[in-house]
Amino acid sequence: MISAPIQIRFNDMDPMRRVNNASYSSYLEIARLRFCKQYLQIEHLEDIPFVLARVEMDLIASVVPGDEIEARIWVSKIGNTSWEFAYSIWNESKKIEHVRAKTTQVYFDYREGAKRTIPSDFRKILEAEMES
């Protein structure tokens, strides 16, 4: 599992003084970028080997100013051309989960504009991050 600390910004808040539901998607993106930074040598945006195809989120508990949260990410499923990341937006000090989410990524060649079968070297990376 990879963990990325999240800095809650003022513009993440809604009028009820909690993180707005739309902000959680960007927190998931921070976790995906942490995955890319850890495993991939990316010099150009076209080097990112996937496209986001689906997002599913369950909002469990509100995040409020002062909460210290992190986005946890791991691989939960691997297919032929796609895989699933699972996420938890977690508050270690309160020992609570704020958000549980899943995204589906498709292995994609941006230069060719087409999806591809997940290559064996990338599949090994995904398998290494798969929760058993």
N, C-alpha and C. Protein backbone atom coordinates (compact mmCIF):
# COMPACT_ATOMS: atom_id res chain seq x y z
N MET A 1 0.84 -1.17 0.00
CA MET A 1 0.00 0.00 0.00
C MET A 1 0.89 1.24 0.00
N ILE A 2 0.49 2.20 -0.80
CA ILE A 2 1.19 3.48 -0.88
C ILE A 2 0.34 4.51 -0.15
N SER A 3 0.99 5.38 0.58
CA SER A 3 0.26 6.40 1.33
C SER A 3 0.77 7.79 0.95
N ALA A 4 -0.17 8.71 0.78
CA ALA A 4 0.17 10.09 0.42
C ALA A 4 -0.52 11.04 1.38
N PRO A 5 0.25 11.84 2.13
CA PRO A 5 -0.39 12.81 3.02
C PRO A 5 -1.16 13.85 2.19
N ILE A 6 -2.30 14.29 2.70
CA ILE A 6 -3.14 15.26 2.00
C ILE A 6 -3.18 16.56 2.80
N GLN A 7 -2.86 17.64 2.15
CA GLN A 7 -2.99 18.96 2.77
C GLN A 7 -4.37 19.50 2.41
N ILE A 8 -5.20 19.74 3.40
CA ILE A 8 -6.54 20.27 3.16
C ILE A 8 -6.41 21.77 2.91
N ARG A 9 -6.93 22.20 1.75
CA ARG A 9 -6.84 23.61 1.36
C ARG A 9 -8.16 24.32 1.64
N PHE A 10 -8.09 25.61 1.80
CA PHE A 10 -9.30 26.40 2.07
C PHE A 10 -10.35 26.19 0.98
N ASN A 11 -9.90 26.14 -0.28
CA ASN A 11 -10.87 25.99 -1.38
C ASN A 11 -11.43 24.58 -1.50
N ASP A 12 -10.98 23.63 -0.66
CA ASP A 12 -11.57 22.30 -0.60
C ASP A 12 -12.88 22.30 0.19
N MET A 13 -13.09 23.35 0.97
CA MET A 13 -14.22 23.40 1.90
C MET A 13 -15.51 23.87 1.23
N ASP A 14 -16.62 23.45 1.81
CA ASP A 14 -17.93 23.94 1.39
C ASP A 14 -18.47 24.87 2.49
N PRO A 15 -19.63 25.48 2.30
CA PRO A 15 -20.15 26.42 3.30
C PRO A 15 -20.43 25.79 4.68
N MET A 16 -20.52 24.47 4.75
CA MET A 16 -20.76 23.80 6.03
C MET A 16 -19.46 23.48 6.78
N ARG A 17 -18.34 24.04 6.32
CA ARG A 17 -17.02 23.87 6.94
C ARG A 17 -16.57 22.41 6.99
N ARG A 18 -16.74 21.73 5.87
CA ARG A 18 -16.23 20.37 5.69
C ARG A 18 -15.71 20.28 4.27
N VAL A 19 -14.90 19.28 4.01
CA VAL A 19 -14.38 19.11 2.66
C VAL A 19 -15.55 18.77 1.73
N ASN A 20 -15.63 19.49 0.63
CA ASN A 20 -16.67 19.26 -0.36
C ASN A 20 -16.43 17.94 -1.05
N ASN A 21 -17.52 17.24 -1.38
CA ASN A 21 -17.39 15.91 -1.99
C ASN A 21 -16.56 15.92 -3.27
N ALA A 22 -16.59 16.99 -4.05
CA ALA A 22 -15.82 17.05 -5.29
C ALA A 22 -14.31 17.05 -5.04
N SER A 23 -13.89 17.50 -3.88
CA SER A 23 -12.45 17.56 -3.57
C SER A 23 -11.83 16.19 -3.38
N TYR A 24 -12.63 15.21 -2.99
CA TYR A 24 -12.08 13.88 -2.74
C TYR A 24 -11.49 13.25 -4.00
N SER A 25 -12.05 13.55 -5.16
CA SER A 25 -11.48 13.02 -6.41
C SER A 25 -10.05 13.49 -6.61
N SER A 26 -9.79 14.75 -6.26
CA SER A 26 -8.41 15.25 -6.41
C SER A 26 -7.48 14.58 -5.39
N TYR A 27 -8.00 14.19 -4.24
CA TYR A 27 -7.18 13.47 -3.26
C TYR A 27 -6.79 12.09 -3.81
N LEU A 28 -7.73 11.45 -4.52
CA LEU A 28 -7.42 10.16 -5.14
C LEU A 28 -6.35 10.34 -6.21
N GLU A 29 -6.43 11.45 -6.93
CA GLU A 29 -5.44 11.73 -7.97
C GLU A 29 -4.05 11.89 -7.36
N ILE A 30 -3.96 12.51 -6.21
CA ILE A 30 -2.67 12.65 -5.53
C ILE A 30 -2.09 11.27 -5.23
N ALA A 31 -2.93 10.35 -4.81
CA ALA A 31 -2.45 8.98 -4.54
C ALA A 31 -1.99 8.30 -5.81
N ARG A 32 -2.74 8.48 -6.92
CA ARG A 32 -2.32 7.87 -8.20
C ARG A 32 -0.99 8.45 -8.65
N LEU A 33 -0.80 9.75 -8.47
CA LEU A 33 0.48 10.37 -8.85
C LEU A 33 1.62 9.85 -7.99
N ARG A 34 1.35 9.57 -6.72
CA ARG A 34 2.37 8.98 -5.85
C ARG A 34 2.76 7.59 -6.36
N PHE A 35 1.76 6.82 -6.83
CA PHE A 35 2.03 5.52 -7.44
C PHE A 35 2.93 5.70 -8.66
N CYS A 36 2.59 6.65 -9.53
CA CYS A 36 3.40 6.89 -10.74
C CYS A 36 4.82 7.29 -10.38
N LYS A 37 4.95 8.16 -9.41
CA LYS A 37 6.28 8.63 -9.00
C LYS A 37 7.12 7.49 -8.45
N GLN A 38 6.49 6.59 -7.73
CA GLN A 38 7.23 5.47 -7.14
C GLN A 38 7.66 4.44 -8.17
N TYR A 39 6.83 4.20 -9.20
CA TYR A 39 7.09 3.08 -10.10
C TYR A 39 7.45 3.44 -11.54
N LEU A 40 7.13 4.63 -11.97
CA LEU A 40 7.29 4.94 -13.39
C LEU A 40 8.28 6.07 -13.61
N GLN A 41 9.02 5.98 -14.70
CA GLN A 41 9.93 7.05 -15.12
C GLN A 41 9.18 7.93 -16.12
N ILE A 42 8.60 9.00 -15.64
CA ILE A 42 7.75 9.84 -16.50
C ILE A 42 8.45 11.17 -16.75
N GLU A 43 8.73 11.43 -18.03
CA GLU A 43 9.32 12.70 -18.42
C GLU A 43 8.28 13.62 -19.06
N HIS A 44 7.29 13.02 -19.71
CA HIS A 44 6.25 13.78 -20.40
C HIS A 44 4.89 13.19 -20.01
N LEU A 45 3.86 14.00 -20.08
CA LEU A 45 2.52 13.50 -19.74
C LEU A 45 2.13 12.30 -20.59
N GLU A 46 2.60 12.26 -21.83
CA GLU A 46 2.28 11.14 -22.72
C GLU A 46 2.91 9.83 -22.24
N ASP A 47 3.82 9.91 -21.29
CA ASP A 47 4.47 8.71 -20.76
C ASP A 47 3.62 8.00 -19.70
N ILE A 48 2.58 8.65 -19.20
CA ILE A 48 1.70 8.00 -18.24
C ILE A 48 0.95 6.90 -19.01
N PRO A 49 1.07 5.65 -18.59
CA PRO A 49 0.57 4.55 -19.42
C PRO A 49 -0.88 4.16 -19.16
N PHE A 50 -1.69 5.08 -18.67
CA PHE A 50 -3.08 4.71 -18.43
C PHE A 50 -4.00 5.92 -18.50
N VAL A 51 -5.27 5.62 -18.67
CA VAL A 51 -6.32 6.63 -18.66
C VAL A 51 -7.35 6.18 -17.61
N LEU A 52 -7.89 7.14 -16.89
CA LEU A 52 -8.90 6.86 -15.88
C LEU A 52 -10.23 6.61 -16.57
N ALA A 53 -10.87 5.48 -16.26
CA ALA A 53 -12.12 5.12 -16.93
C ALA A 53 -13.33 5.16 -16.01
N ARG A 54 -13.12 5.00 -14.71
CA ARG A 54 -14.26 4.95 -13.79
C ARG A 54 -13.81 5.35 -12.39
N VAL A 55 -14.71 6.06 -11.67
CA VAL A 55 -14.48 6.43 -10.28
C VAL A 55 -15.73 6.05 -9.48
N GLU A 56 -15.52 5.39 -8.37
CA GLU A 56 -16.62 5.01 -7.46
C GLU A 56 -16.18 5.38 -6.05
N MET A 57 -17.04 6.14 -5.33
CA MET A 57 -16.66 6.63 -4.01
C MET A 57 -17.79 6.48 -3.02
N ASP A 58 -17.45 6.07 -1.81
CA ASP A 58 -18.37 6.08 -0.68
C ASP A 58 -17.84 7.08 0.34
N LEU A 59 -18.64 8.09 0.64
CA LEU A 59 -18.27 9.09 1.64
C LEU A 59 -18.81 8.62 2.98
N ILE A 60 -17.91 8.35 3.92
CA ILE A 60 -18.27 7.71 5.18
C ILE A 60 -18.36 8.73 6.32
N ALA A 61 -17.38 9.61 6.40
CA ALA A 61 -17.35 10.61 7.47
C ALA A 61 -16.72 11.90 6.92
N SER A 62 -17.28 13.03 7.29
CA SER A 62 -16.78 14.31 6.80
C SER A 62 -15.37 14.60 7.29
N VAL A 63 -14.59 15.24 6.43
CA VAL A 63 -13.29 15.78 6.80
C VAL A 63 -13.51 17.25 7.09
N VAL A 64 -12.99 17.71 8.22
CA VAL A 64 -13.18 19.10 8.65
C VAL A 64 -11.81 19.75 8.88
N PRO A 65 -11.78 21.09 8.94
CA PRO A 65 -10.49 21.77 9.17
C PRO A 65 -9.79 21.21 10.40
N GLY A 66 -8.49 21.02 10.27
CA GLY A 66 -7.69 20.48 11.36
C GLY A 66 -7.48 18.97 11.27
N ASP A 67 -8.30 18.28 10.49
CA ASP A 67 -8.09 16.83 10.32
C ASP A 67 -6.79 16.60 9.56
N GLU A 68 -6.05 15.61 10.00
CA GLU A 68 -4.84 15.20 9.29
C GLU A 68 -5.16 13.88 8.60
N ILE A 69 -5.18 13.93 7.27
CA ILE A 69 -5.60 12.75 6.50
C ILE A 69 -4.53 12.32 5.52
N GLU A 70 -4.66 11.09 5.07
CA GLU A 70 -3.79 10.56 4.05
C GLU A 70 -4.63 9.74 3.09
N ALA A 71 -4.18 9.68 1.85
CA ALA A 71 -4.83 8.84 0.85
C ALA A 71 -4.00 7.58 0.70
N ARG A 72 -4.62 6.45 0.96
CA ARG A 72 -3.96 5.16 0.81
C ARG A 72 -4.45 4.51 -0.47
N ILE A 73 -3.54 3.91 -1.22
CA ILE A 73 -3.87 3.31 -2.52
C ILE A 73 -3.21 1.95 -2.64
N TRP A 74 -3.94 1.01 -3.25
CA TRP A 74 -3.40 -0.31 -3.56
C TRP A 74 -4.16 -0.87 -4.75
N VAL A 75 -3.63 -1.89 -5.36
CA VAL A 75 -4.27 -2.54 -6.49
C VAL A 75 -5.21 -3.61 -5.94
N SER A 76 -6.45 -3.60 -6.43
CA SER A 76 -7.43 -4.58 -5.94
C SER A 76 -7.84 -5.60 -6.99
N LYS A 77 -7.57 -5.32 -8.26
CA LYS A 77 -7.98 -6.23 -9.33
C LYS A 77 -7.16 -5.93 -10.58
N ILE A 78 -6.76 -6.97 -11.30
CA ILE A 78 -6.00 -6.81 -12.54
C ILE A 78 -6.67 -7.61 -13.64
N GLY A 79 -6.92 -6.96 -14.77
CA GLY A 79 -7.50 -7.64 -15.93
C GLY A 79 -6.51 -7.69 -17.07
N ASN A 80 -6.99 -7.79 -18.29
CA ASN A 80 -6.14 -7.85 -19.48
C ASN A 80 -5.62 -6.48 -19.89
N THR A 81 -6.53 -5.50 -19.95
CA THR A 81 -6.17 -4.15 -20.38
C THR A 81 -6.43 -3.12 -19.29
N SER A 82 -7.00 -3.55 -18.18
CA SER A 82 -7.35 -2.59 -17.12
C SER A 82 -7.06 -3.17 -15.74
N TRP A 83 -7.06 -2.29 -14.76
CA TRP A 83 -6.91 -2.72 -13.37
C TRP A 83 -7.67 -1.74 -12.49
N GLU A 84 -7.86 -2.16 -11.26
CA GLU A 84 -8.58 -1.36 -10.29
C GLU A 84 -7.65 -0.95 -9.17
N PHE A 85 -7.68 0.34 -8.83
CA PHE A 85 -7.05 0.82 -7.61
C PHE A 85 -8.15 0.92 -6.56
N ALA A 86 -7.85 0.55 -5.33
CA ALA A 86 -8.72 0.80 -4.20
C ALA A 86 -8.06 1.87 -3.34
N TYR A 87 -8.87 2.65 -2.65
CA TYR A 87 -8.37 3.78 -1.87
C TYR A 87 -9.06 3.84 -0.52
N SER A 88 -8.38 4.46 0.41
CA SER A 88 -8.97 4.83 1.68
C SER A 88 -8.43 6.21 2.03
N ILE A 89 -9.32 7.15 2.29
CA ILE A 89 -8.90 8.43 2.86
C ILE A 89 -8.99 8.22 4.37
N TRP A 90 -7.85 8.20 5.01
CA TRP A 90 -7.73 7.73 6.39
C TRP A 90 -7.23 8.83 7.31
N ASN A 91 -7.74 8.84 8.52
CA ASN A 91 -7.31 9.77 9.56
C ASN A 91 -6.70 8.93 10.67
N GLU A 92 -5.39 8.92 10.72
CA GLU A 92 -4.68 8.07 11.68
C GLU A 92 -4.93 8.50 13.11
N SER A 93 -4.94 9.80 13.39
CA SER A 93 -5.12 10.25 14.78
C SER A 93 -6.50 9.91 15.33
N LYS A 94 -7.52 9.96 14.49
CA LYS A 94 -8.88 9.61 14.92
C LYS A 94 -9.22 8.15 14.66
N LYS A 95 -8.33 7.45 13.93
CA LYS A 95 -8.54 6.04 13.56
C LYS A 95 -9.88 5.84 12.85
N ILE A 96 -10.16 6.73 11.88
CA ILE A 96 -11.40 6.58 11.11
C ILE A 96 -11.12 6.71 9.62
N GLU A 97 -11.95 6.03 8.87
CA GLU A 97 -11.91 6.12 7.42
C GLU A 97 -12.98 7.13 6.99
N HIS A 98 -12.56 8.09 6.20
CA HIS A 98 -13.48 9.12 5.70
C HIS A 98 -14.10 8.74 4.36
N VAL A 99 -13.28 8.14 3.50
CA VAL A 99 -13.73 7.79 2.15
C VAL A 99 -13.17 6.43 1.78
N ARG A 100 -13.99 5.64 1.11
CA ARG A 100 -13.56 4.39 0.49
C ARG A 100 -13.86 4.54 -0.99
N ALA A 101 -12.90 4.22 -1.85
CA ALA A 101 -13.10 4.46 -3.28
C ALA A 101 -12.42 3.39 -4.12
N LYS A 102 -12.85 3.34 -5.39
CA LYS A 102 -12.22 2.48 -6.40
C LYS A 102 -12.16 3.28 -7.70
N THR A 103 -11.10 3.07 -8.45
CA THR A 103 -11.02 3.61 -9.81
C THR A 103 -10.58 2.50 -10.74
N THR A 104 -11.03 2.60 -11.97
CA THR A 104 -10.58 1.67 -13.01
C THR A 104 -9.71 2.45 -13.98
N GLN A 105 -8.53 1.93 -14.23
CA GLN A 105 -7.59 2.50 -15.19
C GLN A 105 -7.45 1.55 -16.36
N VAL A 106 -7.30 2.10 -17.55
CA VAL A 106 -7.07 1.31 -18.75
C VAL A 106 -5.66 1.62 -19.24
N TYR A 107 -4.88 0.55 -19.50
CA TYR A 107 -3.54 0.75 -20.05
C TYR A 107 -3.71 1.39 -21.43
N PHE A 108 -3.04 2.53 -21.63
CA PHE A 108 -3.34 3.35 -22.81
C PHE A 108 -2.07 3.95 -23.38
N ASP A 109 -1.96 3.90 -24.69
CA ASP A 109 -0.85 4.52 -25.42
C ASP A 109 -1.35 5.85 -25.97
N TYR A 110 -0.95 6.93 -25.31
CA TYR A 110 -1.41 8.27 -25.72
C TYR A 110 -0.88 8.66 -27.09
N ARG A 111 0.31 8.21 -27.42
CA ARG A 111 0.88 8.56 -28.73
C ARG A 111 0.09 7.90 -29.87
N GLU A 112 -0.39 6.68 -29.62
CA GLU A 112 -1.18 5.96 -30.62
C GLU A 112 -2.68 6.21 -30.47
N GLY A 113 -3.08 6.69 -29.29
CA GLY A 113 -4.49 6.93 -29.02
C GLY A 113 -5.31 5.65 -28.91
N ALA A 114 -4.71 4.61 -28.30
CA ALA A 114 -5.40 3.32 -28.23
C ALA A 114 -5.06 2.59 -26.93
N LYS A 115 -6.02 1.79 -26.47
CA LYS A 115 -5.75 0.96 -25.29
C LYS A 115 -4.87 -0.22 -25.71
N ARG A 116 -4.15 -0.74 -24.76
CA ARG A 116 -3.23 -1.85 -25.00
C ARG A 116 -3.37 -2.89 -23.90
N THR A 117 -2.91 -4.08 -24.17
CA THR A 117 -2.80 -5.11 -23.15
C THR A 117 -1.72 -4.68 -22.16
N ILE A 118 -1.96 -4.92 -20.89
CA ILE A 118 -0.97 -4.56 -19.86
C ILE A 118 0.29 -5.39 -20.10
N PRO A 119 1.43 -4.74 -20.34
CA PRO A 119 2.68 -5.49 -20.55
C PRO A 119 3.13 -6.20 -19.27
N SER A 120 3.89 -7.26 -19.44
CA SER A 120 4.28 -8.09 -18.30
C SER A 120 5.07 -7.32 -17.25
N ASP A 121 5.95 -6.39 -17.66
CA ASP A 121 6.73 -5.64 -16.67
C ASP A 121 5.83 -4.72 -15.83
N PHE A 122 4.83 -4.12 -16.46
CA PHE A 122 3.90 -3.27 -15.72
C PHE A 122 2.97 -4.14 -14.86
N ARG A 123 2.59 -5.29 -15.36
CA ARG A 123 1.74 -6.21 -14.58
C ARG A 123 2.45 -6.61 -13.29
N LYS A 124 3.77 -6.81 -13.35
CA LYS A 124 4.53 -7.16 -12.15
C LYS A 124 4.48 -6.05 -11.12
N ILE A 125 4.52 -4.79 -11.57
CA ILE A 125 4.40 -3.65 -10.66
C ILE A 125 3.03 -3.68 -9.98
N LEU A 126 1.99 -3.89 -10.79
CA LEU A 126 0.63 -3.93 -10.23
C LEU A 126 0.49 -5.08 -9.23
N GLU A 127 1.04 -6.24 -9.58
CA GLU A 127 0.95 -7.39 -8.69
C GLU A 127 1.68 -7.12 -7.36
N ALA A 128 2.78 -6.36 -7.43
CA ALA A 128 3.52 -6.02 -6.21
C ALA A 128 2.71 -5.14 -5.27
N GLU A 129 1.79 -4.35 -5.83
CA GLU A 129 0.96 -3.45 -5.01
C GLU A 129 -0.43 -4.02 -4.76
N MET A 130 -0.63 -5.27 -5.12
CA MET A 130 -1.95 -5.87 -4.93
C MET A 130 -2.09 -6.36 -3.49
N GLU A 131 -3.19 -5.98 -2.88
CA GLU A 131 -3.45 -6.42 -1.50
C GLU A 131 -3.97 -7.84 -1.54
N SER A 132 -3.39 -8.68 -0.71
CA SER A 132 -3.83 -10.07 -0.69
C SER A 132 -4.95 -10.30 0.29
